[in-house]
Amino acid sequence: MVRERLFSAGGMKVSKMHALTVKHVNAAAQAEAYHALLPACSPEEVDILKRGRNANTAKTPKNATAEQYRKATGVETLFGYLYLRGETKRAHELFAIAWEAKNSAD
């Protein structure tokens, strides 16, 4: 969804698009999204976020804390859940919230 959003803006070199994508798709950014999404989620979605966050992970990446990585896993779990259920409209609604939170913080 990040690449789709950036691509639709148009007029951007591939290298810049990649750099902006990485800025939005990393554990720290997704951990921020976790906090932005919590108030907008239904109780079922909050449960999915928390289940993903609490899942046992083998290791953490070198550029993120364990807490950031766990929250990022929760966000990815929620979006994967919505995708598999065919709830793409809802996924796009939540993505818009996360996108706005990230861009207003910069």
Protein backbone atom coordinates (compact mmCIF):
# COMPACT_ATOMS: atom_id res chain seq x y z
CA MET A 1 0.00 0.00 0.00
CA VAL A 2 2.92 2.33 0.67
CA ARG A 3 4.34 1.86 -2.81
CA GLU A 4 0.88 2.26 -4.30
CA ARG A 5 0.42 5.56 -2.46
CA LEU A 6 3.83 6.87 -3.47
CA PHE A 7 3.45 5.71 -7.07
CA SER A 8 0.09 7.47 -7.41
CA ALA A 9 1.76 10.73 -6.38
CA GLY A 10 3.84 10.39 -9.55
CA GLY A 11 6.88 12.25 -10.82
CA MET A 12 9.40 10.58 -8.56
CA LYS A 13 12.67 8.79 -9.25
CA VAL A 14 12.74 5.13 -8.32
CA SER A 15 15.54 5.66 -5.79
CA LYS A 16 13.55 8.36 -3.99
CA MET A 17 10.43 6.18 -4.00
CA HIS A 18 12.42 3.35 -2.47
CA ALA A 19 13.87 5.62 0.23
CA LEU A 20 10.40 6.91 1.12
CA THR A 21 9.03 3.37 1.17
CA VAL A 22 11.71 2.26 3.62
CA LYS A 23 10.85 5.26 5.79
CA HIS A 24 7.29 3.95 6.13
CA VAL A 25 7.93 0.22 6.12
CA ASN A 26 10.27 -0.47 9.00
CA ALA A 27 9.74 -1.61 12.56
CA ALA A 28 9.95 1.87 14.10
CA ALA A 29 7.39 3.35 11.69
CA GLN A 30 5.05 0.38 12.10
CA ALA A 31 5.35 0.68 15.89
CA GLU A 32 4.16 4.29 15.54
CA ALA A 33 1.33 3.05 13.35
CA TYR A 34 0.36 0.57 16.08
CA HIS A 35 -0.37 3.44 18.47
CA ALA A 36 -2.23 5.44 15.81
CA LEU A 37 -4.39 2.45 14.86
CA LEU A 38 -5.44 1.31 18.33
CA PRO A 39 -8.18 3.93 18.84
CA ALA A 40 -9.58 3.33 15.33
CA CYS A 41 -9.78 -0.45 15.59
CA SER A 42 -12.80 -2.51 16.48
CA PRO A 43 -12.47 -4.83 19.49
CA GLU A 44 -11.85 -7.75 17.11
CA GLU A 45 -9.11 -5.80 15.31
CA VAL A 46 -7.50 -4.81 18.62
CA ASP A 47 -7.44 -8.49 19.54
CA ILE A 48 -5.67 -9.31 16.25
CA LEU A 49 -3.15 -6.47 16.81
CA LYS A 50 -2.37 -7.74 20.30
CA ARG A 51 -2.17 -11.37 19.26
CA GLY A 52 0.34 -10.44 16.57
CA ARG A 53 2.27 -8.28 19.01
CA ASN A 54 2.42 -11.07 21.57
CA ALA A 55 3.49 -13.80 19.13
CA ASN A 56 6.83 -15.40 19.88
CA THR A 57 9.48 -14.12 17.51
CA ALA A 58 12.85 -15.75 17.03
CA LYS A 59 14.92 -12.58 16.79
CA THR A 60 14.75 -8.84 16.32
CA PRO A 61 16.33 -6.87 13.50
CA LYS A 62 19.47 -4.88 14.24
CA ASN A 63 17.77 -1.52 13.62
CA ALA A 64 14.80 -1.93 15.98
CA THR A 65 14.09 -2.59 19.61
CA ALA A 66 12.26 -5.73 20.67
CA GLU A 67 9.20 -3.62 21.54
CA GLN A 68 9.16 -1.93 18.13
CA TYR A 69 9.53 -5.26 16.37
CA ARG A 70 6.66 -6.81 18.34
CA LYS A 71 4.33 -3.90 17.61
CA ALA A 72 5.31 -3.95 13.94
CA THR A 73 4.46 -7.65 13.88
CA GLY A 74 1.05 -6.78 15.32
CA VAL A 75 0.41 -4.24 12.55
CA GLU A 76 1.47 -6.68 9.86
CA THR A 77 -0.74 -9.34 11.42
CA LEU A 78 -3.75 -7.02 11.33
CA PHE A 79 -3.24 -6.08 7.68
CA GLY A 80 -2.66 -9.69 6.73
CA TYR A 81 -5.83 -10.69 8.57
CA LEU A 82 -7.88 -8.05 6.78
CA TYR A 83 -6.40 -9.03 3.42
CA LEU A 84 -7.16 -12.71 3.91
CA ARG A 85 -10.73 -11.90 4.92
CA GLY A 86 -11.15 -9.80 1.78
CA GLU A 87 -11.66 -6.63 3.81
CA THR A 88 -9.53 -4.44 1.59
CA LYS A 89 -11.71 -1.38 2.11
CA ARG A 90 -11.13 -1.61 5.86
CA ALA A 91 -7.41 -2.19 5.32
CA HIS A 92 -7.25 0.98 3.21
CA GLU A 93 -9.14 2.93 5.89
CA LEU A 94 -6.66 1.85 8.56
CA PHE A 95 -3.73 2.43 6.22
CA ALA A 96 -4.91 6.02 5.70
CA ILE A 97 -4.88 6.54 9.48
CA ALA A 98 -1.37 5.13 9.81
CA TRP A 99 -0.17 7.15 6.80
CA GLU A 100 -1.54 10.38 8.19
CA ALA A 101 -0.03 9.73 11.62
CA LYS A 102 3.40 9.05 10.11
CA ASN A 103 3.35 12.08 7.81
CA SER A 104 2.05 14.50 10.43
CA ALA A 105 4.83 13.39 12.80
CA ASP A 106 7.58 14.18 10.25
